[in-house]
PDB file of N, CA and C in Angstrom:
ATOM      1  N   MET A   1     -22.768   7.088   9.531  1.00  0.00           N
ATOM      2  CA  MET A   1     -21.197   7.143   9.713  1.00  0.00           C
ATOM      3  C   MET A   1     -20.478   6.420   8.754  1.00  0.00           C
ATOM      4  N   MET A   2     -19.702   7.092   7.859  1.00  0.00           N
ATOM      5  CA  MET A   2     -19.145   6.581   6.612  1.00  0.00           C
ATOM      6  C   MET A   2     -18.351   5.529   6.830  1.00  0.00           C
ATOM      7  N   LYS A   3     -18.483   4.510   5.850  1.00  0.00           N
ATOM      8  CA  LYS A   3     -17.321   3.335   5.999  1.00  0.00           C
ATOM      9  C   LYS A   3     -16.306   3.588   5.092  1.00  0.00           C
ATOM     10  N   ASP A   4     -15.136   3.100   5.876  1.00  0.00           N
ATOM     11  CA  ASP A   4     -13.601   3.093   5.219  1.00  0.00           C
ATOM     12  C   ASP A   4     -13.546   2.380   3.916  1.00  0.00           C
ATOM     13  N   LYS A   5     -12.985   2.909   3.318  1.00  0.00           N
ATOM     14  CA  LYS A   5     -12.748   2.589   2.077  1.00  0.00           C
ATOM     15  C   LYS A   5     -11.400   1.538   2.161  1.00  0.00           C
ATOM     16  N   ILE A   6     -12.067   0.339   1.268  1.00  0.00           N
ATOM     17  CA  ILE A   6     -10.983  -1.086   1.542  1.00  0.00           C
ATOM     18  C   ILE A   6     -10.252  -1.171   0.198  1.00  0.00           C
ATOM     19  N   PHE A   7      -9.177  -1.343  -0.020  1.00  0.00           N
ATOM     20  CA  PHE A   7      -8.213  -1.363  -1.135  1.00  0.00           C
ATOM     21  C   PHE A   7      -7.535  -2.796  -1.007  1.00  0.00           C
ATOM     22  N   THR A   8      -7.375  -3.491  -2.268  1.00  0.00           N
ATOM     23  CA  THR A   8      -6.806  -4.807  -1.824  1.00  0.00           C
ATOM     24  C   THR A   8      -5.637  -4.919  -2.776  1.00  0.00           C
ATOM     25  N   ILE A   9      -3.963  -5.058  -1.977  1.00  0.00           N
ATOM     26  CA  ILE A   9      -3.017  -5.454  -2.540  1.00  0.00           C
ATOM     27  C   ILE A   9      -2.776  -6.799  -2.613  1.00  0.00           C
ATOM     28  N   SER A  10      -2.390  -7.264  -3.925  1.00  0.00           N
ATOM     29  CA  SER A  10      -2.397  -9.073  -3.907  1.00  0.00           C
ATOM     30  C   SER A  10      -0.902  -9.088  -4.352  1.00  0.00           C
ATOM     31  N   GLY A  11      -0.275 -10.119  -3.263  1.00  0.00           N
ATOM     32  CA  GLY A  11       1.280 -10.263  -3.229  1.00  0.00           C
ATOM     33  C   GLY A  11       1.264 -11.464  -4.360  1.00  0.00           C
ATOM     34  N   ARG A  12       0.762 -11.976  -4.576  1.00  0.00           N
ATOM     35  CA  ARG A  12       0.595 -12.809  -5.701  1.00  0.00           C
ATOM     36  C   ARG A  12       1.400 -13.143  -6.775  1.00  0.00           C
ATOM     37  N   ASN A  13       1.724 -11.907  -7.538  1.00  0.00           N
ATOM     38  CA  ASN A  13       2.591 -11.832  -8.344  1.00  0.00           C
ATOM     39  C   ASN A  13       3.492 -10.423  -7.937  1.00  0.00           C
ATOM     40  N   ILE A  14       3.715 -10.093  -6.831  1.00  0.00           N
ATOM     41  CA  ILE A  14       4.688  -9.534  -6.831  1.00  0.00           C
ATOM     42  C   ILE A  14       6.110 -10.101  -5.833  1.00  0.00           C
ATOM     43  N   ASN A  15       6.921 -10.060  -7.380  1.00  0.00           N
ATOM     44  CA  ASN A  15       8.198 -10.685  -6.748  1.00  0.00           C
ATOM     45  C   ASN A  15       9.492  -9.688  -6.870  1.00  0.00           C
ATOM     46  N   SER A  16       9.105  -8.439  -6.666  1.00  0.00           N
ATOM     47  CA  SER A  16      10.269  -7.432  -6.792  1.00  0.00           C
ATOM     48  C   SER A  16       9.946  -6.123  -6.087  1.00  0.00           C
ATOM     49  N   ILE A  17      10.534  -5.026  -5.768  1.00  0.00           N
ATOM     50  CA  ILE A  17      10.220  -3.944  -5.249  1.00  0.00           C
ATOM     51  C   ILE A  17       9.306  -3.113  -6.183  1.00  0.00           C
ATOM     52  N   GLU A  18      10.103  -3.353  -7.582  1.00  0.00           N
ATOM     53  CA  GLU A  18       9.283  -2.770  -8.663  1.00  0.00           C
ATOM     54  C   GLU A  18       7.984  -3.058  -8.832  1.00  0.00           C
ATOM     55  N   GLU A  19       7.685  -4.225  -8.241  1.00  0.00           N
ATOM     56  CA  GLU A  19       6.460  -5.363  -8.752  1.00  0.00           C
ATOM     57  C   GLU A  19       5.420  -4.373  -7.735  1.00  0.00           C
ATOM     58  N   PHE A  20       6.135  -4.326  -6.521  1.00  0.00           N
ATOM     59  CA  PHE A  20       5.152  -4.260  -5.131  1.00  0.00           C
ATOM     60  C   PHE A  20       4.653  -2.433  -5.645  1.00  0.00           C
ATOM     61  N   HIS A  21       5.910  -1.456  -6.393  1.00  0.00           N
ATOM     62  CA  HIS A  21       5.333  -0.462  -6.559  1.00  0.00           C
ATOM     63  C   HIS A  21       4.082  -0.172  -7.935  1.00  0.00           C
ATOM     64  N   ASP A  22       4.174  -1.117  -8.525  1.00  0.00           N
ATOM     65  CA  ASP A  22       3.430  -1.363  -9.557  1.00  0.00           C
ATOM     66  C   ASP A  22       2.069  -1.519  -9.216  1.00  0.00           C
ATOM     67  N   GLU A  23       1.968  -2.774  -8.332  1.00  0.00           N
ATOM     68  CA  GLU A  23       0.273  -2.898  -7.514  1.00  0.00           C
ATOM     69  C   GLU A  23      -0.293  -1.692  -6.954  1.00  0.00           C
ATOM     70  N   VAL A  24       1.076  -0.681  -6.188  1.00  0.00           N
ATOM     71  CA  VAL A  24       0.607   0.428  -5.187  1.00  0.00           C
ATOM     72  C   VAL A  24       0.251   1.103  -6.237  1.00  0.00           C
ATOM     73  N   GLN A  25       0.867   1.595  -7.418  1.00  0.00           N
ATOM     74  CA  GLN A  25      -0.157   2.775  -8.489  1.00  0.00           C
ATOM     75  C   GLN A  25      -1.169   1.957  -8.794  1.00  0.00           C
ATOM     76  N   ASN A  26      -1.363   0.309  -9.177  1.00  0.00           N
ATOM     77  CA  ASN A  26      -2.795   0.430  -9.845  1.00  0.00           C
ATOM     78  C   ASN A  26      -3.953   0.552  -8.558  1.00  0.00           C
ATOM     79  N   VAL A  27      -3.445   0.212  -7.486  1.00  0.00           N
ATOM     80  CA  VAL A  27      -4.698   0.056  -6.334  1.00  0.00           C
ATOM     81  C   VAL A  27      -4.850   1.351  -5.537  1.00  0.00           C
ATOM     82  N   LEU A  28      -3.874   1.994  -5.381  1.00  0.00           N
ATOM     83  CA  LEU A  28      -4.070   3.277  -4.536  1.00  0.00           C
ATOM     84  C   LEU A  28      -3.684   4.817  -5.392  1.00  0.00           C
ATOM     85  N   CYS A  29      -3.207   4.590  -6.644  1.00  0.00           N
ATOM     86  CA  CYS A  29      -2.987   5.797  -7.188  1.00  0.00           C
ATOM     87  C   CYS A  29      -3.625   5.366  -8.605  1.00  0.00           C
ATOM     88  N   PRO A  30      -4.474   4.924  -9.209  1.00  0.00           N
ATOM     89  CA  PRO A  30      -4.226   4.487 -10.848  1.00  0.00           C
ATOM     90  C   PRO A  30      -4.519   5.469 -11.846  1.00  0.00           C
ATOM     91  N   LYS A  31      -4.671   6.843 -11.567  1.00  0.00           N
ATOM     92  CA  LYS A  31      -4.873   7.887 -12.310  1.00  0.00           C
ATOM     93  C   LYS A  31      -3.903   8.764 -12.241  1.00  0.00           C
ATOM     94  N   PHE A  32      -2.989   8.640 -10.959  1.00  0.00           N
ATOM     95  CA  PHE A  32      -1.879   9.512 -10.990  1.00  0.00           C
ATOM     96  C   PHE A  32      -0.784   9.405 -11.384  1.00  0.00           C
ATOM     97  N   SER A  33       0.048   9.925 -12.499  1.00  0.00           N
ATOM     98  CA  SER A  33       1.322   9.390 -13.019  1.00  0.00           C
ATOM     99  C   SER A  33       2.144  10.218 -12.528  1.00  0.00           C
ATOM    100  N   GLY A  34       2.403  10.589 -11.701  1.00  0.00           N
ATOM    101  CA  GLY A  34       3.213  11.131 -10.988  1.00  0.00           C
ATOM    102  C   GLY A  34       3.901  10.305  -9.734  1.00  0.00           C
ATOM    103  N   TYR A  35       3.660   9.158  -9.283  1.00  0.00           N
ATOM    104  CA  TYR A  35       3.642   8.393  -8.503  1.00  0.00           C
ATOM    105  C   TYR A  35       5.338   7.913  -8.695  1.00  0.00           C
ATOM    106  N   GLY A  36       5.875   8.402  -7.537  1.00  0.00           N
ATOM    107  CA  GLY A  36       7.367   8.290  -7.698  1.00  0.00           C
ATOM    108  C   GLY A  36       8.515   6.770  -7.549  1.00  0.00           C
ATOM    109  N   ARG A  37       7.263   5.753  -6.815  1.00  0.00           N
ATOM    110  CA  ARG A  37       7.668   4.285  -7.001  1.00  0.00           C
ATOM    111  C   ARG A  37       8.839   4.568  -6.260  1.00  0.00           C
ATOM    112  N   ASN A  38       8.642   4.786  -4.767  1.00  0.00           N
ATOM    113  CA  ASN A  38       9.882   4.541  -3.927  1.00  0.00           C
ATOM    114  C   ASN A  38       9.297   4.795  -2.661  1.00  0.00           C
ATOM    115  N   TRP A  39       9.677   4.533  -1.167  1.00  0.00           N
ATOM    116  CA  TRP A  39       9.255   4.477   0.189  1.00  0.00           C
ATOM    117  C   TRP A  39       8.574   5.889  -0.081  1.00  0.00           C
ATOM    118  N   ASN A  40       9.125   7.010   0.150  1.00  0.00           N
ATOM    119  CA  ASN A  40       8.936   8.188   0.453  1.00  0.00           C
ATOM    120  C   ASN A  40       7.674   8.269  -0.809  1.00  0.00           C
ATOM    121  N   ALA A  41       7.598   8.359  -1.437  1.00  0.00           N
ATOM    122  CA  ALA A  41       6.481   8.302  -2.556  1.00  0.00           C
ATOM    123  C   ALA A  41       5.219   7.734  -1.945  1.00  0.00           C
ATOM    124  N   PHE A  42       5.354   6.423  -1.677  1.00  0.00           N
ATOM    125  CA  PHE A  42       4.509   5.198  -0.689  1.00  0.00           C
ATOM    126  C   PHE A  42       3.800   6.295   0.241  1.00  0.00           C
ATOM    127  N   ASN A  43       4.724   6.618   0.970  1.00  0.00           N
ATOM    128  CA  ASN A  43       4.408   7.117   2.244  1.00  0.00           C
ATOM    129  C   ASN A  43       3.601   8.168   1.658  1.00  0.00           C
ATOM    130  N   ASP A  44       3.824   9.611   0.795  1.00  0.00           N
ATOM    131  CA  ASP A  44       2.650  10.342   0.239  1.00  0.00           C
ATOM    132  C   ASP A  44       1.362  10.064  -0.334  1.00  0.00           C
ATOM    133  N   ILE A  45       1.299   8.961  -1.030  1.00  0.00           N
ATOM    134  CA  ILE A  45       0.422   8.072  -1.317  1.00  0.00           C
ATOM    135  C   ILE A  45      -0.808   7.968  -0.112  1.00  0.00           C
ATOM    136  N   LEU A  46      -0.066   7.514   0.883  1.00  0.00           N
ATOM    137  CA  LEU A  46      -0.926   6.946   2.353  1.00  0.00           C
ATOM    138  C   LEU A  46      -1.902   8.300   2.647  1.00  0.00           C
ATOM    139  N   ARG A  47      -1.233   9.546   2.458  1.00  0.00           N
ATOM    140  CA  ARG A  47      -2.139  10.486   2.993  1.00  0.00           C
ATOM    141  C   ARG A  47      -3.517  10.671   2.118  1.00  0.00           C
ATOM    142  N   GLY A  48      -3.169  10.312   0.902  1.00  0.00           N
ATOM    143  CA  GLY A  48      -4.590  10.612   0.082  1.00  0.00           C
ATOM    144  C   GLY A  48      -4.449  11.570  -0.251  1.00  0.00           C
ATOM    145  N   GLY A  49      -5.218  12.197  -1.140  1.00  0.00           N
ATOM    146  CA  GLY A  49      -5.589  13.228  -2.298  1.00  0.00           C
ATOM    147  C   GLY A  49      -4.740  12.904  -3.477  1.00  0.00           C
ATOM    148  N   PHE A  50      -4.222  11.639  -3.606  1.00  0.00           N
ATOM    149  CA  PHE A  50      -3.773  11.626  -5.395  1.00  0.00           C
ATOM    150  C   PHE A  50      -4.478  10.593  -5.846  1.00  0.00           C
ATOM    151  N   GLY A  51      -5.663  10.371  -5.550  1.00  0.00           N
ATOM    152  CA  GLY A  51      -6.398   9.110  -6.298  1.00  0.00           C
ATOM    153  C   GLY A  51      -7.739   8.445  -5.886  1.00  0.00           C
ATOM    154  N   PRO A  52      -7.811   7.778  -5.320  1.00  0.00           N
ATOM    155  CA  PRO A  52      -9.533   7.233  -5.016  1.00  0.00           C
ATOM    156  C   PRO A  52     -10.107   7.626  -3.434  1.00  0.00           C
ATOM    157  N   PHE A  53      -8.738   8.288  -2.358  1.00  0.00           N
ATOM    158  CA  PHE A  53      -9.254   8.631  -1.519  1.00  0.00           C
ATOM    159  C   PHE A  53      -8.547   9.599  -1.134  1.00  0.00           C
ATOM    160  N   GLU A  54      -9.266  10.712  -0.330  1.00  0.00           N
ATOM    161  CA  GLU A  54      -9.042  12.180   0.116  1.00  0.00           C
ATOM    162  C   GLU A  54      -7.807  12.084   1.051  1.00  0.00           C
ATOM    163  N   LEU A  55      -7.597  13.231   0.965  1.00  0.00           N
ATOM    164  CA  LEU A  55      -6.331  13.567   2.194  1.00  0.00           C
ATOM    165  C   LEU A  55      -6.916  13.299   3.418  1.00  0.00           C
ATOM    166  N   ASP A  56      -6.081  12.246   4.195  1.00  0.00           N
ATOM    167  CA  ASP A  56      -6.210  12.180   5.790  1.00  0.00           C
ATOM    168  C   ASP A  56      -8.088  11.302   5.808  1.00  0.00           C
ATOM    169  N   GLU A  57      -8.470  10.836   4.292  1.00  0.00           N
ATOM    170  CA  GLU A  57     -10.092   9.709   4.874  1.00  0.00           C
ATOM    171  C   GLU A  57      -9.051   8.611   5.156  1.00  0.00           C
ATOM    172  N   LYS A  58     -10.029   7.890   5.901  1.00  0.00           N
ATOM    173  CA  LYS A  58      -9.887   6.721   6.689  1.00  0.00           C
ATOM    174  C   LYS A  58      -9.774   5.570   5.532  1.00  0.00           C
ATOM    175  N   ILE A  59      -8.722   4.636   5.597  1.00  0.00           N
ATOM    176  CA  ILE A  59      -9.001   3.595   4.272  1.00  0.00           C
ATOM    177  C   ILE A  59      -8.442   2.349   5.343  1.00  0.00           C
ATOM    178  N   ILE A  60      -8.793   1.073   4.544  1.00  0.00           N
ATOM    179  CA  ILE A  60      -7.979   0.021   5.003  1.00  0.00           C
ATOM    180  C   ILE A  60      -7.064  -0.814   3.623  1.00  0.00           C
ATOM    181  N   ILE A  61      -5.716  -1.008   3.861  1.00  0.00           N
ATOM    182  CA  ILE A  61      -5.480  -1.879   2.933  1.00  0.00           C
ATOM    183  C   ILE A  61      -5.540  -3.391   3.336  1.00  0.00           C
ATOM    184  N   VAL A  62      -6.023  -4.141   2.388  1.00  0.00           N
ATOM    185  CA  VAL A  62      -5.707  -5.319   2.620  1.00  0.00           C
ATOM    186  C   VAL A  62      -4.490  -6.208   2.179  1.00  0.00           C
ATOM    187  N   PHE A  63      -3.424  -6.557   2.386  1.00  0.00           N
ATOM    188  CA  PHE A  63      -2.827  -7.148   1.527  1.00  0.00           C
ATOM    189  C   PHE A  63      -2.449  -8.988   1.615  1.00  0.00           C
ATOM    190  N   LYS A  64      -2.733  -9.313   0.349  1.00  0.00           N
ATOM    191  CA  LYS A  64      -2.926 -10.548   0.401  1.00  0.00           C
ATOM    192  C   LYS A  64      -1.721 -11.386   0.223  1.00  0.00           C
ATOM    193  N   ASN A  65      -1.941 -12.644  -0.126  1.00  0.00           N
ATOM    194  CA  ASN A  65      -0.292 -13.543  -0.039  1.00  0.00           C
ATOM    195  C   ASN A  65       0.523 -12.960   0.467  1.00  0.00           C
ATOM    196  N   LYS A  66       0.796 -12.404   1.617  1.00  0.00           N
ATOM    197  CA  LYS A  66       2.006 -12.429   2.452  1.00  0.00           C
ATOM    198  C   LYS A  66       2.788 -13.207   2.502  1.00  0.00           C
ATOM    199  N   ARG A  67       2.426 -14.703   2.224  1.00  0.00           N
ATOM    200  CA  ARG A  67       3.470 -15.620   2.461  1.00  0.00           C
ATOM    201  C   ARG A  67       4.587 -15.726   0.947  1.00  0.00           C
ATOM    202  N   ASN A  68       4.160 -15.529  -0.062  1.00  0.00           N
ATOM    203  CA  ASN A  68       4.760 -14.756  -1.216  1.00  0.00           C
ATOM    204  C   ASN A  68       5.570 -13.696  -1.193  1.00  0.00           C
ATOM    205  N   VAL A  69       5.065 -12.865  -0.522  1.00  0.00           N
ATOM    206  CA  VAL A  69       5.939 -11.556  -0.430  1.00  0.00           C
ATOM    207  C   VAL A  69       7.143 -11.992   0.391  1.00  0.00           C
ATOM    208  N   ARG A  70       7.194 -12.558   1.398  1.00  0.00           N
ATOM    209  CA  ARG A  70       8.024 -13.053   2.947  1.00  0.00           C
ATOM    210  C   ARG A  70       8.920 -13.437   2.009  1.00  0.00           C
ATOM    211  N   LYS A  71       8.523 -14.470   1.226  1.00  0.00           N
ATOM    212  CA  LYS A  71       9.417 -15.570   0.583  1.00  0.00           C
ATOM    213  C   LYS A  71      10.273 -15.001  -0.589  1.00  0.00           C
ATOM    214  N   ARG A  72       9.705 -13.659  -1.750  1.00  0.00           N
ATOM    215  CA  ARG A  72      10.553 -13.221  -2.553  1.00  0.00           C
ATOM    216  C   ARG A  72      11.454 -11.970  -2.287  1.00  0.00           C
ATOM    217  N   LEU A  73      10.789 -11.448  -1.046  1.00  0.00           N
ATOM    218  CA  LEU A  73      11.277  -9.892  -0.722  1.00  0.00           C
ATOM    219  C   LEU A  73      11.844  -9.871   0.551  1.00  0.00           C
ATOM    220  N   GLY A  74      11.481 -10.818   1.403  1.00  0.00           N
ATOM    221  CA  GLY A  74      12.357 -11.130   2.866  1.00  0.00           C
ATOM    222  C   GLY A  74      11.213 -10.187   4.178  1.00  0.00           C
ATOM    223  N   GLU A  75      11.883 -10.418   5.101  1.00  0.00           N
ATOM    224  CA  GLU A  75      10.704  -9.704   6.194  1.00  0.00           C
ATOM    225  C   GLU A  75      10.725  -8.862   6.433  1.00  0.00           C
ATOM    226  N   ASN A  76      12.520  -8.421   6.174  1.00  0.00           N
ATOM    227  CA  ASN A  76      12.678  -6.835   6.251  1.00  0.00           C
ATOM    228  C   ASN A  76      11.498  -6.051   5.650  1.00  0.00           C
ATOM    229  N   PHE A  77      11.279  -6.509   4.218  1.00  0.00           N
ATOM    230  CA  PHE A  77      10.433  -5.750   3.682  1.00  0.00           C
ATOM    231  C   PHE A  77       9.049  -5.523   3.993  1.00  0.00           C
ATOM    232  N   LEU A  78       8.589  -6.557   4.796  1.00  0.00           N
ATOM    233  CA  LEU A  78       7.420  -6.601   5.379  1.00  0.00           C
ATOM    234  C   LEU A  78       7.332  -5.483   6.666  1.00  0.00           C
ATOM    235  N   VAL A  79       8.347  -5.889   7.600  1.00  0.00           N
ATOM    236  CA  VAL A  79       8.577  -5.023   8.881  1.00  0.00           C
ATOM    237  C   VAL A  79       8.622  -3.484   8.290  1.00  0.00           C
ATOM    238  N   LYS A  80       9.366  -3.218   7.326  1.00  0.00           N
ATOM    239  CA  LYS A  80       9.541  -1.466   6.597  1.00  0.00           C
ATOM    240  C   LYS A  80       7.953  -1.281   6.462  1.00  0.00           C
ATOM    241  N   LEU A  81       7.474  -2.109   5.253  1.00  0.00           N
ATOM    242  CA  LEU A  81       5.766  -1.623   5.105  1.00  0.00           C
ATOM    243  C   LEU A  81       4.701  -1.513   6.076  1.00  0.00           C
ATOM    244  N   THR A  82       5.081  -2.347   7.280  1.00  0.00           N
ATOM    245  CA  THR A  82       4.213  -2.265   8.311  1.00  0.00           C
ATOM    246  C   THR A  82       4.569  -0.925   8.821  1.00  0.00           C
ATOM    247  N   LYS A  83       5.830  -0.766   9.375  1.00  0.00           N
ATOM    248  CA  LYS A  83       6.286   0.498  10.239  1.00  0.00           C
ATOM    249  C   LYS A  83       6.087   1.739   9.624  1.00  0.00           C
ATOM    250  N   LEU A  84       6.129   2.041   8.023  1.00  0.00           N
ATOM    251  CA  LEU A  84       5.694   2.773   7.582  1.00  0.00           C
ATOM    252  C   LEU A  84       4.188   3.347   7.221  1.00  0.00           C
ATOM    253  N   VAL A  85       2.939   2.071   7.162  1.00  0.00           N
ATOM    254  CA  VAL A  85       1.984   1.954   7.280  1.00  0.00           C
ATOM    255  C   VAL A  85       1.284   2.535   8.669  1.00  0.00           C
ATOM    256  N   GLU A  86       2.139   2.519   9.779  1.00  0.00           N
ATOM    257  CA  GLU A  86       1.579   2.581  11.214  1.00  0.00           C
ATOM    258  C   GLU A  86       1.678   4.149  11.101  1.00  0.00           C
ATOM    259  N   LYS A  87       2.579   4.763  10.724  1.00  0.00           N
ATOM    260  CA  LYS A  87       2.846   6.443  10.667  1.00  0.00           C
ATOM    261  C   LYS A  87       1.707   6.690  10.448  1.00  0.00           C
ATOM    262  N   HIS A  88       0.756   6.255   9.972  1.00  0.00           N
ATOM    263  CA  HIS A  88      -0.630   7.029   9.482  1.00  0.00           C
ATOM    264  C   HIS A  88      -2.140   6.451  10.217  1.00  0.00           C
ATOM    265  N   ASP A  89      -2.468   7.720  10.478  1.00  0.00           N
ATOM    266  CA  ASP A  89      -3.636   7.338  11.454  1.00  0.00           C
ATOM    267  C   ASP A  89      -4.813   6.865  10.637  1.00  0.00           C
ATOM    268  N   ASN A  90      -4.857   7.413   9.673  1.00  0.00           N
ATOM    269  CA  ASN A  90      -5.928   7.088   8.721  1.00  0.00           C
ATOM    270  C   ASN A  90      -5.574   5.910   7.925  1.00  0.00           C
ATOM    271  N   VAL A  91      -4.772   5.001   7.968  1.00  0.00           N
ATOM    272  CA  VAL A  91      -4.717   3.787   7.086  1.00  0.00           C
ATOM    273  C   VAL A  91      -4.353   2.749   8.173  1.00  0.00           C
ATOM    274  N   GLU A  92      -5.269   1.257   8.145  1.00  0.00           N
ATOM    275  CA  GLU A  92      -5.156   0.217   8.858  1.00  0.00           C
ATOM    276  C   GLU A  92      -4.700  -0.775   7.640  1.00  0.00           C
ATOM    277  N   LEU A  93      -3.685  -1.437   7.957  1.00  0.00           N
ATOM    278  CA  LEU A  93      -3.069  -2.712   6.936  1.00  0.00           C
ATOM    279  C   LEU A  93      -3.389  -4.113   7.536  1.00  0.00           C
ATOM    280  N   LEU A  94      -3.666  -4.873   6.881  1.00  0.00           N
ATOM    281  CA  LEU A  94      -4.509  -6.266   7.303  1.00  0.00           C
ATOM    282  C   LEU A  94      -4.004  -7.050   6.575  1.00  0.00           C
ATOM    283  N   PHE A  95      -3.086  -8.062   6.844  1.00  0.00           N
ATOM    284  CA  PHE A  95      -2.474  -8.960   5.850  1.00  0.00           C
ATOM    285  C   PHE A  95      -3.382 -10.652   5.928  1.00  0.00           C
ATOM    286  N   GLU A  96      -3.665 -10.965   4.841  1.00  0.00           N
ATOM    287  CA  GLU A  96      -4.452 -12.395   4.871  1.00  0.00           C
ATOM    288  C   GLU A  96      -3.699 -13.288   4.210  1.00  0.00           C
TER     289      GLU A  96
END
């Protein structure tokens, strides 16, 4: 049985939606220059095939420093992030 790939997003330095997309690009699609840096593009990235995981490959995203992100971007940001990730059966989101 293959082990799920784990990717860590650090919320420590996320103070804006732009910085969130910087972190997504660095972690989930570092070699893909076409990342659109919006929610639709993030949704596409979660499907896979743009970087270090294949289309529909099972992955785990560990989101660290949730409290900082909540403080900077608000609870609505975290709710939207969670709901979007939940649409993908191949992605598990863990907050630390």
